């Protein structure tokens, strides 16, 4: 005996997380981050190590900011 359950699509599962997301603000922050990486790259390219480390750190910081922004108080 097997039952088929309708699983929501990936878009339907992600939609509640993105509710209230400010797209233009995120785009402005993205542009500023790109300008910072470009300035760092042009000022002195150190065989890519510093540039790649800074880019990785920026991605991790963006992910952490997104997670913290999604946390809500309970109660």
N, C-alpha and C. Protein backbone atom coordinates (compact mmCIF):
# COMPACT_ATOMS: atom_id res chain seq x y z
N UNK A 1 0.84 -1.16 0.00
CA UNK A 1 0.00 0.00 0.00
C UNK A 1 0.89 1.24 0.00
N UNK A 2 0.76 2.04 -1.00
CA UNK A 2 1.57 3.25 -1.06
C UNK A 2 0.66 4.46 -1.25
N UNK A 3 1.02 5.49 -0.61
CA UNK A 3 0.28 6.75 -0.73
C UNK A 3 1.20 7.79 -1.35
N UNK A 4 0.62 8.60 -2.18
CA UNK A 4 1.39 9.66 -2.82
C UNK A 4 1.03 10.97 -2.15
N UNK A 5 2.03 11.61 -1.61
CA UNK A 5 1.83 12.91 -0.98
C UNK A 5 2.40 13.98 -1.89
N UNK A 6 1.66 15.04 -2.03
CA UNK A 6 2.14 16.15 -2.86
C UNK A 6 3.20 16.93 -2.08
N UNK A 7 4.41 16.91 -2.62
CA UNK A 7 5.48 17.68 -2.00
C UNK A 7 5.48 19.07 -2.62
N UNK A 8 5.59 20.09 -1.79
CA UNK A 8 5.66 21.44 -2.38
C UNK A 8 6.96 21.61 -3.17
N UNK A 9 6.89 22.44 -4.17
CA UNK A 9 8.08 22.66 -5.00
C UNK A 9 9.10 23.47 -4.20
N UNK A 10 10.30 23.52 -4.73
CA UNK A 10 11.37 24.27 -4.07
C UNK A 10 11.00 25.74 -3.95
N UNK A 11 10.38 26.27 -4.96
CA UNK A 11 9.97 27.68 -4.92
C UNK A 11 8.94 27.92 -3.81
N UNK A 12 8.01 27.00 -3.63
CA UNK A 12 7.01 27.15 -2.58
C UNK A 12 7.63 27.03 -1.20
N UNK A 13 8.69 26.25 -1.06
CA UNK A 13 9.35 26.10 0.23
C UNK A 13 10.23 27.30 0.56
N UNK A 14 10.80 27.94 -0.45
CA UNK A 14 11.69 29.08 -0.22
C UNK A 14 10.92 30.39 -0.07
N UNK A 15 9.74 30.48 -0.66
CA UNK A 15 8.96 31.73 -0.66
C UNK A 15 8.75 32.31 0.74
N UNK A 16 8.43 31.55 1.78
CA UNK A 16 8.27 32.16 3.10
C UNK A 16 9.56 32.78 3.64
N UNK A 17 10.70 32.23 3.28
CA UNK A 17 11.97 32.79 3.75
C UNK A 17 12.26 34.14 3.11
N UNK A 18 11.81 34.33 1.89
CA UNK A 18 12.09 35.57 1.18
C UNK A 18 11.00 36.62 1.35
N UNK A 19 10.01 36.33 2.16
CA UNK A 19 8.93 37.28 2.39
C UNK A 19 9.49 38.49 3.13
N UNK A 20 9.23 39.67 2.60
CA UNK A 20 9.74 40.89 3.20
C UNK A 20 11.18 41.21 2.81
N UNK A 21 11.72 40.50 1.83
CA UNK A 21 13.10 40.72 1.38
C UNK A 21 13.16 42.00 0.56
N UNK A 22 14.11 42.86 0.87
CA UNK A 22 14.25 44.13 0.17
C UNK A 22 15.26 43.98 -0.96
N UNK A 23 14.76 43.74 -2.15
CA UNK A 23 15.61 43.48 -3.31
C UNK A 23 16.50 44.65 -3.70
N UNK A 24 15.96 45.87 -3.81
CA UNK A 24 16.83 46.99 -4.20
C UNK A 24 17.95 47.25 -3.18
N UNK A 25 17.67 47.09 -1.91
CA UNK A 25 18.71 47.27 -0.90
C UNK A 25 19.79 46.19 -1.02
N UNK A 26 19.37 44.96 -1.25
CA UNK A 26 20.33 43.87 -1.42
C UNK A 26 21.19 44.10 -2.66
N UNK A 27 20.58 44.62 -3.71
CA UNK A 27 21.34 44.91 -4.94
C UNK A 27 22.35 46.02 -4.70
N UNK A 28 21.96 47.06 -3.94
CA UNK A 28 22.89 48.15 -3.63
C UNK A 28 24.07 47.64 -2.79
N UNK A 29 23.80 46.78 -1.83
CA UNK A 29 24.88 46.20 -1.02
C UNK A 29 25.78 45.34 -1.89
N UNK A 30 25.19 44.59 -2.81
CA UNK A 30 25.97 43.76 -3.73
C UNK A 30 26.89 44.63 -4.60
N UNK A 31 26.38 45.75 -5.11
CA UNK A 31 27.20 46.64 -5.93
C UNK A 31 28.35 47.23 -5.12
N UNK A 32 28.08 47.63 -3.88
CA UNK A 32 29.14 48.17 -3.02
C UNK A 32 30.20 47.11 -2.72
N UNK A 33 29.76 45.88 -2.49
CA UNK A 33 30.71 44.80 -2.23
C UNK A 33 31.57 44.54 -3.46
N UNK A 34 30.96 44.57 -4.64
CA UNK A 34 31.73 44.38 -5.87
C UNK A 34 32.73 45.52 -6.08
N UNK A 35 32.32 46.75 -5.76
CA UNK A 35 33.23 47.89 -5.89
C UNK A 35 34.40 47.74 -4.92
N UNK A 36 34.15 47.25 -3.73
CA UNK A 36 35.22 47.03 -2.76
C UNK A 36 36.18 45.95 -3.22
N UNK A 37 35.64 44.86 -3.77
CA UNK A 37 36.51 43.80 -4.29
C UNK A 37 37.33 44.29 -5.48
N UNK A 38 36.71 45.10 -6.33
CA UNK A 38 37.43 45.63 -7.49
C UNK A 38 38.55 46.56 -7.04
N UNK A 39 38.30 47.41 -6.04
CA UNK A 39 39.34 48.31 -5.53
C UNK A 39 40.47 47.51 -4.91
N UNK A 40 40.13 46.46 -4.18
CA UNK A 40 41.17 45.64 -3.57
C UNK A 40 41.98 44.91 -4.63
N UNK A 41 41.33 44.43 -5.66
CA UNK A 41 42.01 43.72 -6.73
C UNK A 41 42.97 44.65 -7.48
N UNK A 42 42.51 45.87 -7.74
CA UNK A 42 43.34 46.79 -8.53
C UNK A 42 44.47 47.41 -7.72
N UNK A 43 44.33 47.46 -6.40
CA UNK A 43 45.37 48.09 -5.59
C UNK A 43 46.61 47.21 -5.45
N UNK A 44 46.46 45.94 -5.47
CA UNK A 44 47.63 45.07 -5.35
C UNK A 44 47.21 43.62 -5.36
N UNK A 45 47.37 42.99 -6.47
CA UNK A 45 46.96 41.59 -6.59
C UNK A 45 48.06 40.70 -6.04
N UNK A 46 47.78 40.02 -4.96
CA UNK A 46 48.76 39.18 -4.28
C UNK A 46 48.54 37.72 -4.65
N UNK A 47 48.69 37.39 -5.91
CA UNK A 47 48.51 36.02 -6.42
C UNK A 47 47.13 35.46 -6.09
N UNK A 48 46.16 36.30 -5.88
CA UNK A 48 44.78 35.86 -5.68
C UNK A 48 44.43 35.38 -4.30
N UNK A 49 45.41 35.23 -3.41
CA UNK A 49 45.09 34.67 -2.09
C UNK A 49 44.26 35.64 -1.26
N UNK A 50 44.72 36.88 -1.18
CA UNK A 50 43.98 37.86 -0.39
C UNK A 50 42.61 38.15 -1.00
N UNK A 51 42.60 38.28 -2.30
CA UNK A 51 41.36 38.58 -3.01
C UNK A 51 40.33 37.47 -2.81
N UNK A 52 40.76 36.24 -2.97
CA UNK A 52 39.83 35.11 -2.81
C UNK A 52 39.39 34.97 -1.35
N UNK A 53 40.30 35.18 -0.41
CA UNK A 53 39.93 35.10 1.00
C UNK A 53 38.90 36.17 1.36
N UNK A 54 39.12 37.38 0.85
CA UNK A 54 38.18 38.47 1.14
C UNK A 54 36.82 38.19 0.50
N UNK A 55 36.82 37.68 -0.72
CA UNK A 55 35.56 37.32 -1.38
C UNK A 55 34.81 36.24 -0.62
N UNK A 56 35.54 35.23 -0.15
CA UNK A 56 34.92 34.16 0.64
C UNK A 56 34.35 34.71 1.94
N UNK A 57 35.10 35.60 2.60
CA UNK A 57 34.62 36.19 3.84
C UNK A 57 33.37 37.04 3.62
N UNK A 58 33.32 37.72 2.50
CA UNK A 58 32.14 38.53 2.19
C UNK A 58 30.92 37.64 1.96
N UNK A 59 31.10 36.51 1.29
CA UNK A 59 29.98 35.59 1.08
C UNK A 59 29.49 35.00 2.41
N UNK A 60 30.42 34.63 3.27
CA UNK A 60 30.03 34.09 4.57
C UNK A 60 29.31 35.15 5.40
N UNK A 61 29.79 36.39 5.36
CA UNK A 61 29.14 37.46 6.11
C UNK A 61 27.74 37.72 5.57
N UNK A 62 27.57 37.68 4.26
CA UNK A 62 26.24 37.86 3.67
C UNK A 62 25.29 36.76 4.09
N UNK A 63 25.77 35.53 4.11
CA UNK A 63 24.92 34.41 4.54
C UNK A 63 24.54 34.55 6.00
N UNK A 64 25.50 34.91 6.85
CA UNK A 64 25.21 35.07 8.28
C UNK A 64 24.21 36.22 8.50
N UNK A 65 24.38 37.32 7.75
CA UNK A 65 23.43 38.43 7.89
C UNK A 65 22.03 38.00 7.47
N UNK A 66 21.93 37.19 6.40
CA UNK A 66 20.61 36.72 5.96
C UNK A 66 19.97 35.84 7.02
N UNK A 67 20.75 34.93 7.61
CA UNK A 67 20.22 34.03 8.64
C UNK A 67 19.77 34.82 9.87
N UNK A 68 20.57 35.77 10.29
CA UNK A 68 20.22 36.57 11.47
C UNK A 68 18.98 37.43 11.18
N UNK A 69 18.86 37.93 9.97
CA UNK A 69 17.69 38.74 9.61
C UNK A 69 16.42 37.90 9.59
N UNK A 70 16.54 36.61 9.33
CA UNK A 70 15.37 35.74 9.30
C UNK A 70 14.95 35.25 10.68
N UNK A 71 15.82 35.38 11.66
CA UNK A 71 15.47 34.96 13.03
C UNK A 71 14.43 35.92 13.60
N UNK A 72 13.44 35.36 14.20
CA UNK A 72 12.37 36.18 14.78
C UNK A 72 12.22 35.83 16.25
N UNK A 73 11.79 36.79 16.98
CA UNK A 73 11.53 36.54 18.39
C UNK A 73 10.29 35.67 18.54
N UNK A 74 10.36 34.77 19.46
CA UNK A 74 9.18 33.96 19.74
C UNK A 74 8.61 34.43 21.08
N UNK A 75 7.32 34.63 21.08
CA UNK A 75 6.66 35.00 22.33
C UNK A 75 6.32 36.37 22.43
